[in-house]
Amino acid sequence: MTHKKKWAILAPSGLMLIGAGACLISWAGALKEKGTSTTNWVVAGTGALAVFNAGISVFGQSVVERVLHEVRERTPASTPGN
């Protein structure tokens, strides 16, 4: 798979995970405000942070793939014997 294709898949996936994680963090906070048991909102919040951080990681990898794509596009292909 090319760097451009990886970037095209990873960037939106990372952004969706970040958004989902942010929503889940808000939901976990609402659970705490409602007075739900500590175990419930802590587990929900931990899972939410895991999703959010996974999104940041996936998006970060998409940036790496985009940079690699840009570098490969700018570098002329070397020919044998030159």
PDB file of N, CA and C in Angstrom:
ATOM      1  N   MET A   1       0.847  -1.168   0.000  1.00  0.00           N
ATOM      2  CA  MET A   1       0.000   0.000   0.000  1.00  0.00           C
ATOM      3  C   MET A   1       0.899   1.240   0.000  1.00  0.00           C
ATOM      4  N   THR A   2       0.544   2.213  -0.800  1.00  0.00           N
ATOM      5  CA  THR A   2       1.363   3.423  -0.894  1.00  0.00           C
ATOM      6  C   THR A   2       1.164   4.310   0.335  1.00  0.00           C
ATOM      7  N   HIS A   3       2.116   5.214   0.535  1.00  0.00           N
ATOM      8  CA  HIS A   3       2.022   6.147   1.662  1.00  0.00           C
ATOM      9  C   HIS A   3       0.785   7.036   1.519  1.00  0.00           C
ATOM     10  N   LYS A   4       0.469   7.398   0.281  1.00  0.00           N
ATOM     11  CA  LYS A   4      -0.701   8.265   0.057  1.00  0.00           C
ATOM     12  C   LYS A   4      -1.991   7.540   0.439  1.00  0.00           C
ATOM     13  N   LYS A   5      -2.102   6.262   0.088  1.00  0.00           N
ATOM     14  CA  LYS A   5      -3.300   5.494   0.445  1.00  0.00           C
ATOM     15  C   LYS A   5      -3.395   5.305   1.960  1.00  0.00           C
ATOM     16  N   LYS A   6      -2.262   5.038   2.601  1.00  0.00           N
ATOM     17  CA  LYS A   6      -2.261   4.895   4.053  1.00  0.00           C
ATOM     18  C   LYS A   6      -2.709   6.197   4.712  1.00  0.00           C
ATOM     19  N   TRP A   7      -2.184   7.309   4.213  1.00  0.00           N
ATOM     20  CA  TRP A   7      -2.569   8.614   4.746  1.00  0.00           C
ATOM     21  C   TRP A   7      -4.062   8.856   4.556  1.00  0.00           C
ATOM     22  N   ALA A   8      -4.580   8.511   3.377  1.00  0.00           N
ATOM     23  CA  ALA A   8      -5.990   8.737   3.072  1.00  0.00           C
ATOM     24  C   ALA A   8      -6.915   7.899   3.964  1.00  0.00           C
ATOM     25  N   ILE A   9      -6.440   6.797   4.453  1.00  0.00           N
ATOM     26  CA  ILE A   9      -7.238   5.952   5.355  1.00  0.00           C
ATOM     27  C   ILE A   9      -7.041   6.374   6.807  1.00  0.00           C
ATOM     28  N   LEU A  10      -5.797   6.624   7.192  1.00  0.00           N
ATOM     29  CA  LEU A  10      -5.485   6.897   8.591  1.00  0.00           C
ATOM     30  C   LEU A  10      -5.972   8.264   9.069  1.00  0.00           C
ATOM     31  N   ALA A  11      -5.877   9.291   8.222  1.00  0.00           N
ATOM     32  CA  ALA A  11      -6.255  10.639   8.668  1.00  0.00           C
ATOM     33  C   ALA A  11      -7.729  10.715   9.082  1.00  0.00           C
ATOM     34  N   PRO A  12      -8.671  10.302   8.232  1.00  0.00           N
ATOM     35  CA  PRO A  12     -10.068  10.371   8.666  1.00  0.00           C
ATOM     36  C   PRO A  12     -10.373   9.416   9.824  1.00  0.00           C
ATOM     37  N   SER A  13      -9.722   8.261   9.830  1.00  0.00           N
ATOM     38  CA  SER A  13      -9.944   7.307  10.928  1.00  0.00           C
ATOM     39  C   SER A  13      -9.486   7.906  12.250  1.00  0.00           C
ATOM     40  N   GLY A  14      -8.328   8.543  12.240  1.00  0.00           N
ATOM     41  CA  GLY A  14      -7.819   9.184  13.442  1.00  0.00           C
ATOM     42  C   GLY A  14      -8.731  10.293  13.924  1.00  0.00           C
ATOM     43  N   LEU A  15      -9.214  11.105  12.982  1.00  0.00           N
ATOM     44  CA  LEU A  15     -10.121  12.194  13.359  1.00  0.00           C
ATOM     45  C   LEU A  15     -11.436  11.659  13.933  1.00  0.00           C
ATOM     46  N   MET A  16     -11.935  10.568  13.363  1.00  0.00           N
ATOM     47  CA  MET A  16     -13.170   9.983  13.907  1.00  0.00           C
ATOM     48  C   MET A  16     -12.946   9.426  15.306  1.00  0.00           C
ATOM     49  N   LEU A  17     -11.810   8.788  15.524  1.00  0.00           N
ATOM     50  CA  LEU A  17     -11.512   8.263  16.858  1.00  0.00           C
ATOM     51  C   LEU A  17     -11.344   9.387  17.880  1.00  0.00           C
ATOM     52  N   ILE A  18     -10.697  10.476  17.472  1.00  0.00           N
ATOM     53  CA  ILE A  18     -10.548  11.616  18.373  1.00  0.00           C
ATOM     54  C   ILE A  18     -11.926  12.166  18.742  1.00  0.00           C
ATOM     55  N   GLY A  19     -12.790  12.327  17.757  1.00  0.00           N
ATOM     56  CA  GLY A  19     -14.136  12.825  18.013  1.00  0.00           C
ATOM     57  C   GLY A  19     -14.946  11.893  18.888  1.00  0.00           C
ATOM     58  N   ALA A  20     -14.854  10.608  18.613  1.00  0.00           N
ATOM     59  CA  ALA A  20     -15.586   9.629  19.422  1.00  0.00           C
ATOM     60  C   ALA A  20     -15.062   9.628  20.851  1.00  0.00           C
ATOM     61  N   GLY A  21     -13.743   9.705  20.999  1.00  0.00           N
ATOM     62  CA  GLY A  21     -13.162   9.738  22.336  1.00  0.00           C
ATOM     63  C   GLY A  21     -13.591  10.975  23.108  1.00  0.00           C
ATOM     64  N   ALA A  22     -13.643  12.119  22.426  1.00  0.00           N
ATOM     65  CA  ALA A  22     -14.080  13.356  23.090  1.00  0.00           C
ATOM     66  C   ALA A  22     -15.535  13.237  23.551  1.00  0.00           C
ATOM     67  N   CYS A  23     -16.379  12.645  22.716  1.00  0.00           N
ATOM     68  CA  CYS A  23     -17.786  12.440  23.108  1.00  0.00           C
ATOM     69  C   CYS A  23     -17.879  11.492  24.299  1.00  0.00           C
ATOM     70  N   LEU A  24     -17.081  10.441  24.278  1.00  0.00           N
ATOM     71  CA  LEU A  24     -17.104   9.484  25.377  1.00  0.00           C
ATOM     72  C   LEU A  24     -16.572  10.095  26.675  1.00  0.00           C
ATOM     73  N   ILE A  25     -15.599  10.983  26.568  1.00  0.00           N
ATOM     74  CA  ILE A  25     -15.100  11.671  27.757  1.00  0.00           C
ATOM     75  C   ILE A  25     -16.210  12.519  28.362  1.00  0.00           C
ATOM     76  N   SER A  26     -16.939  13.207  27.511  1.00  0.00           N
ATOM     77  CA  SER A  26     -18.066  14.013  27.981  1.00  0.00           C
ATOM     78  C   SER A  26     -19.120  13.135  28.642  1.00  0.00           C
ATOM     79  N   TRP A  27     -19.396  11.993  28.042  1.00  0.00           N
ATOM     80  CA  TRP A  27     -20.371  11.053  28.601  1.00  0.00           C
ATOM     81  C   TRP A  27     -19.917  10.549  29.967  1.00  0.00           C
ATOM     82  N   ALA A  28     -18.646  10.232  30.102  1.00  0.00           N
ATOM     83  CA  ALA A  28     -18.122   9.766  31.392  1.00  0.00           C
ATOM     84  C   ALA A  28     -18.235  10.876  32.446  1.00  0.00           C
ATOM     85  N   GLY A  29     -17.984  12.106  32.034  1.00  0.00           N
ATOM     86  CA  GLY A  29     -18.143  13.229  32.948  1.00  0.00           C
ATOM     87  C   GLY A  29     -19.588  13.396  33.386  1.00  0.00           C
ATOM     88  N   ALA A  30     -20.513  13.180  32.459  1.00  0.00           N
ATOM     89  CA  ALA A  30     -21.940  13.259  32.790  1.00  0.00           C
ATOM     90  C   ALA A  30     -22.323  12.152  33.770  1.00  0.00           C
ATOM     91  N   LEU A  31     -21.726  10.981  33.606  1.00  0.00           N
ATOM     92  CA  LEU A  31     -21.998   9.896  34.550  1.00  0.00           C
ATOM     93  C   LEU A  31     -21.561  10.290  35.958  1.00  0.00           C
ATOM     94  N   LYS A  32     -20.425  10.946  36.054  1.00  0.00           N
ATOM     95  CA  LYS A  32     -19.929  11.380  37.357  1.00  0.00           C
ATOM     96  C   LYS A  32     -20.873  12.420  37.956  1.00  0.00           C
ATOM     97  N   GLU A  33     -21.309  13.369  37.141  1.00  0.00           N
ATOM     98  CA  GLU A  33     -22.214  14.422  37.611  1.00  0.00           C
ATOM     99  C   GLU A  33     -23.551  13.857  38.088  1.00  0.00           C
ATOM    100  N   LYS A  34     -24.007  12.786  37.459  1.00  0.00           N
ATOM    101  CA  LYS A  34     -25.275  12.160  37.842  1.00  0.00           C
ATOM    102  C   LYS A  34     -25.165  11.387  39.151  1.00  0.00           C
ATOM    103  N   GLY A  35     -23.947  11.192  39.616  1.00  0.00           N
ATOM    104  CA  GLY A  35     -23.764  10.461  40.858  1.00  0.00           C
ATOM    105  C   GLY A  35     -23.681   8.953  40.683  1.00  0.00           C
ATOM    106  N   THR A  36     -23.353   8.528  39.466  1.00  0.00           N
ATOM    107  CA  THR A  36     -23.165   7.103  39.200  1.00  0.00           C
ATOM    108  C   THR A  36     -22.002   6.598  40.052  1.00  0.00           C
ATOM    109  N   SER A  37     -21.993   5.325  40.338  1.00  0.00           N
ATOM    110  CA  SER A  37     -20.928   4.773  41.178  1.00  0.00           C
ATOM    111  C   SER A  37     -19.556   5.084  40.578  1.00  0.00           C
ATOM    112  N   THR A  38     -18.601   5.245  41.450  1.00  0.00           N
ATOM    113  CA  THR A  38     -17.248   5.609  41.033  1.00  0.00           C
ATOM    114  C   THR A  38     -16.689   4.616  40.027  1.00  0.00           C
ATOM    115  N   THR A  39     -16.933   3.354  40.265  1.00  0.00           N
ATOM    116  CA  THR A  39     -16.409   2.326  39.350  1.00  0.00           C
ATOM    117  C   THR A  39     -16.925   2.548  37.932  1.00  0.00           C
ATOM    118  N   ASN A  40     -18.212   2.853  37.804  1.00  0.00           N
ATOM    119  CA  ASN A  40     -18.798   3.024  36.469  1.00  0.00           C
ATOM    120  C   ASN A  40     -18.183   4.189  35.706  1.00  0.00           C
ATOM    121  N   TRP A  41     -18.099   5.358  36.337  1.00  0.00           N
ATOM    122  CA  TRP A  41     -17.579   6.495  35.579  1.00  0.00           C
ATOM    123  C   TRP A  41     -16.066   6.428  35.386  1.00  0.00           C
ATOM    124  N   VAL A  42     -15.351   5.776  36.308  1.00  0.00           N
ATOM    125  CA  VAL A  42     -13.906   5.625  36.127  1.00  0.00           C
ATOM    126  C   VAL A  42     -13.612   4.674  34.962  1.00  0.00           C
ATOM    127  N   VAL A  43     -14.337   3.570  34.898  1.00  0.00           N
ATOM    128  CA  VAL A  43     -14.155   2.631  33.786  1.00  0.00           C
ATOM    129  C   VAL A  43     -14.540   3.294  32.465  1.00  0.00           C
ATOM    130  N   ALA A  44     -15.659   4.021  32.462  1.00  0.00           N
ATOM    131  CA  ALA A  44     -16.088   4.724  31.245  1.00  0.00           C
ATOM    132  C   ALA A  44     -15.057   5.772  30.835  1.00  0.00           C
ATOM    133  N   GLY A  45     -14.552   6.522  31.804  1.00  0.00           N
ATOM    134  CA  GLY A  45     -13.562   7.548  31.499  1.00  0.00           C
ATOM    135  C   GLY A  45     -12.254   6.973  31.011  1.00  0.00           C
ATOM    136  N   THR A  46     -11.831   5.865  31.591  1.00  0.00           N
ATOM    137  CA  THR A  46     -10.596   5.215  31.162  1.00  0.00           C
ATOM    138  C   THR A  46     -10.727   4.713  29.727  1.00  0.00           C
ATOM    139  N   GLY A  47     -11.853   4.091  29.436  1.00  0.00           N
ATOM    140  CA  GLY A  47     -12.097   3.641  28.059  1.00  0.00           C
ATOM    141  C   GLY A  47     -12.157   4.808  27.089  1.00  0.00           C
ATOM    142  N   ALA A  48     -12.789   5.892  27.523  1.00  0.00           N
ATOM    143  CA  ALA A  48     -12.897   7.080  26.676  1.00  0.00           C
ATOM    144  C   ALA A  48     -11.524   7.668  26.380  1.00  0.00           C
ATOM    145  N   LEU A  49     -10.686   7.736  27.389  1.00  0.00           N
ATOM    146  CA  LEU A  49      -9.335   8.257  27.177  1.00  0.00           C
ATOM    147  C   LEU A  49      -8.521   7.339  26.274  1.00  0.00           C
ATOM    148  N   ALA A  50      -8.749   6.038  26.382  1.00  0.00           N
ATOM    149  CA  ALA A  50      -8.047   5.094  25.500  1.00  0.00           C
ATOM    150  C   ALA A  50      -8.443   5.326  24.042  1.00  0.00           C
ATOM    151  N   VAL A  51      -9.736   5.533  23.802  1.00  0.00           N
ATOM    152  CA  VAL A  51     -10.202   5.794  22.433  1.00  0.00           C
ATOM    153  C   VAL A  51      -9.625   7.116  21.922  1.00  0.00           C
ATOM    154  N   PHE A  52      -9.666   8.146  22.762  1.00  0.00           N
ATOM    155  CA  PHE A  52      -9.148   9.459  22.383  1.00  0.00           C
ATOM    156  C   PHE A  52      -7.658   9.378  22.044  1.00  0.00           C
ATOM    157  N   ASN A  53      -6.872   8.728  22.904  1.00  0.00           N
ATOM    158  CA  ASN A  53      -5.434   8.607  22.670  1.00  0.00           C
ATOM    159  C   ASN A  53      -5.128   7.735  21.457  1.00  0.00           C
ATOM    160  N   ALA A  54      -5.942   6.724  21.221  1.00  0.00           N
ATOM    161  CA  ALA A  54      -5.764   5.914  20.008  1.00  0.00           C
ATOM    162  C   ALA A  54      -5.971   6.780  18.771  1.00  0.00           C
ATOM    163  N   GLY A  55      -6.950   7.660  18.833  1.00  0.00           N
ATOM    164  CA  GLY A  55      -7.191   8.574  17.718  1.00  0.00           C
ATOM    165  C   GLY A  55      -6.008   9.485  17.459  1.00  0.00           C
ATOM    166  N   ILE A  56      -5.409   9.994  18.526  1.00  0.00           N
ATOM    167  CA  ILE A  56      -4.229  10.844  18.371  1.00  0.00           C
ATOM    168  C   ILE A  56      -3.089  10.044  17.750  1.00  0.00           C
ATOM    169  N   SER A  57      -2.926   8.804  18.172  1.00  0.00           N
ATOM    170  CA  SER A  57      -1.864   7.957  17.623  1.00  0.00           C
ATOM    171  C   SER A  57      -2.090   7.656  16.144  1.00  0.00           C
ATOM    172  N   VAL A  58      -3.313   7.322  15.793  1.00  0.00           N
ATOM    173  CA  VAL A  58      -3.628   7.016  14.389  1.00  0.00           C
ATOM    174  C   VAL A  58      -3.437   8.264  13.526  1.00  0.00           C
ATOM    175  N   PHE A  59      -3.902   9.404  14.018  1.00  0.00           N
ATOM    176  CA  PHE A  59      -3.723  10.637  13.257  1.00  0.00           C
ATOM    177  C   PHE A  59      -2.242  10.988  13.131  1.00  0.00           C
ATOM    178  N   GLY A  60      -1.487  10.777  14.192  1.00  0.00           N
ATOM    179  CA  GLY A  60      -0.043  11.019  14.134  1.00  0.00           C
ATOM    180  C   GLY A  60       0.632  10.154  13.089  1.00  0.00           C
ATOM    181  N   GLN A  61       0.220   8.901  13.001  1.00  0.00           N
ATOM    182  CA  GLN A  61       0.782   8.018  11.980  1.00  0.00           C
ATOM    183  C   GLN A  61       0.395   8.494  10.583  1.00  0.00           C
ATOM    184  N   SER A  62      -0.795   9.067  10.443  1.00  0.00           N
ATOM    185  CA  SER A  62      -1.197   9.596   9.135  1.00  0.00           C
ATOM    186  C   SER A  62      -0.295  10.759   8.725  1.00  0.00           C
ATOM    187  N   VAL A  63       0.123  11.565   9.694  1.00  0.00           N
ATOM    188  CA  VAL A  63       1.045  12.663   9.396  1.00  0.00           C
ATOM    189  C   VAL A  63       2.375  12.093   8.911  1.00  0.00           C
ATOM    190  N   VAL A  64       2.846  11.040   9.561  1.00  0.00           N
ATOM    191  CA  VAL A  64       4.090  10.389   9.130  1.00  0.00           C
ATOM    192  C   VAL A  64       3.955   9.896   7.692  1.00  0.00           C
ATOM    193  N   GLU A  65       2.850   9.247   7.386  1.00  0.00           N
ATOM    194  CA  GLU A  65       2.639   8.719   6.033  1.00  0.00           C
ATOM    195  C   GLU A  65       2.578   9.847   5.003  1.00  0.00           C
ATOM    196  N   ARG A  66       1.967  10.958   5.369  1.00  0.00           N
ATOM    197  CA  ARG A  66       1.884  12.096   4.448  1.00  0.00           C
ATOM    198  C   ARG A  66       3.276  12.676   4.186  1.00  0.00           C
ATOM    199  N   VAL A  67       4.074  12.795   5.222  1.00  0.00           N
ATOM    200  CA  VAL A  67       5.438  13.315   5.048  1.00  0.00           C
ATOM    201  C   VAL A  67       6.247  12.373   4.167  1.00  0.00           C
ATOM    202  N   LEU A  68       6.139  11.077   4.406  1.00  0.00           N
ATOM    203  CA  LEU A  68       6.854  10.114   3.563  1.00  0.00           C
ATOM    204  C   LEU A  68       6.400  10.212   2.112  1.00  0.00           C
ATOM    205  N   HIS A  69       5.118  10.410   1.909  1.00  0.00           N
ATOM    206  CA  HIS A  69       4.595  10.587   0.547  1.00  0.00           C
ATOM    207  C   HIS A  69       5.201  11.835  -0.106  1.00  0.00           C
ATOM    208  N   GLU A  70       5.223  12.943   0.640  1.00  0.00           N
ATOM    209  CA  GLU A  70       5.788  14.182   0.108  1.00  0.00           C
ATOM    210  C   GLU A  70       7.268  14.026  -0.225  1.00  0.00           C
ATOM    211  N   VAL A  71       8.009  13.351   0.645  1.00  0.00           N
ATOM    212  CA  VAL A  71       9.443  13.148   0.410  1.00  0.00           C
ATOM    213  C   VAL A  71       9.661  12.309  -0.838  1.00  0.00           C
ATOM    214  N   ARG A  72       8.889  11.257  -0.984  1.00  0.00           N
ATOM    215  CA  ARG A  72       9.039  10.374  -2.151  1.00  0.00           C
ATOM    216  C   ARG A  72       8.640  11.083  -3.439  1.00  0.00           C
ATOM    217  N   GLU A  73       7.666  11.995  -3.364  1.00  0.00           N
ATOM    218  CA  GLU A  73       7.241  12.725  -4.563  1.00  0.00           C
ATOM    219  C   GLU A  73       8.312  13.711  -5.018  1.00  0.00           C
ATOM    220  N   ARG A  74       9.026  14.308  -4.084  1.00  0.00           N
ATOM    221  CA  ARG A  74      10.027  15.321  -4.414  1.00  0.00           C
ATOM    222  C   ARG A  74      11.355  14.720  -4.841  1.00  0.00           C
ATOM    223  N   THR A  75      11.671  13.534  -4.349  1.00  0.00           N
ATOM    224  CA  THR A  75      12.948  12.888  -4.647  1.00  0.00           C
ATOM    225  C   THR A  75      12.865  12.225  -6.015  1.00  0.00           C
ATOM    226  N   PRO A  76      13.725  12.638  -6.950  1.00  0.00           N
ATOM    227  CA  PRO A  76      13.694  11.980  -8.262  1.00  0.00           C
ATOM    228  C   PRO A  76      14.151  10.533  -8.157  1.00  0.00           C
ATOM    229  N   ALA A  77      13.552   9.690  -8.924  1.00  0.00           N
ATOM    230  CA  ALA A  77      13.919   8.277  -8.914  1.00  0.00           C
ATOM    231  C   ALA A  77      15.339   8.142  -9.444  1.00  0.00           C
ATOM    232  N   SER A  78      16.146   7.393  -8.723  1.00  0.00           N
ATOM    233  CA  SER A  78      17.522   7.207  -9.150  1.00  0.00           C
ATOM    234  C   SER A  78      17.564   6.155 -10.276  1.00  0.00           C
ATOM    235  N   THR A  79      18.399   6.414 -11.219  1.00  0.00           N
ATOM    236  CA  THR A  79      18.533   5.456 -12.317  1.00  0.00           C
ATOM    237  C   THR A  79      19.828   4.692 -12.148  1.00  0.00           C
ATOM    238  N   PRO A  80      19.844   3.416 -12.510  1.00  0.00           N
ATOM    239  CA  PRO A  80      21.061   2.628 -12.363  1.00  0.00           C
ATOM    240  C   PRO A  80      22.184   3.192 -13.216  1.00  0.00           C
ATOM    241  N   GLY A  81      23.373   3.243 -12.645  1.00  0.00           N
ATOM    242  CA  GLY A  81      24.523   3.728 -13.384  1.00  0.00           C
ATOM    243  C   GLY A  81      24.788   5.213 -13.231  1.00  0.00           C
ATOM    244  N   ASN A  82      23.938   5.935 -12.523  1.00  0.00           N
ATOM    245  CA  ASN A  82      24.162   7.384 -12.344  1.00  0.00           C
ATOM    246  C   ASN A  82      24.699   7.691 -10.999  1.00  0.00           C
TER     247      ASN A  82
END
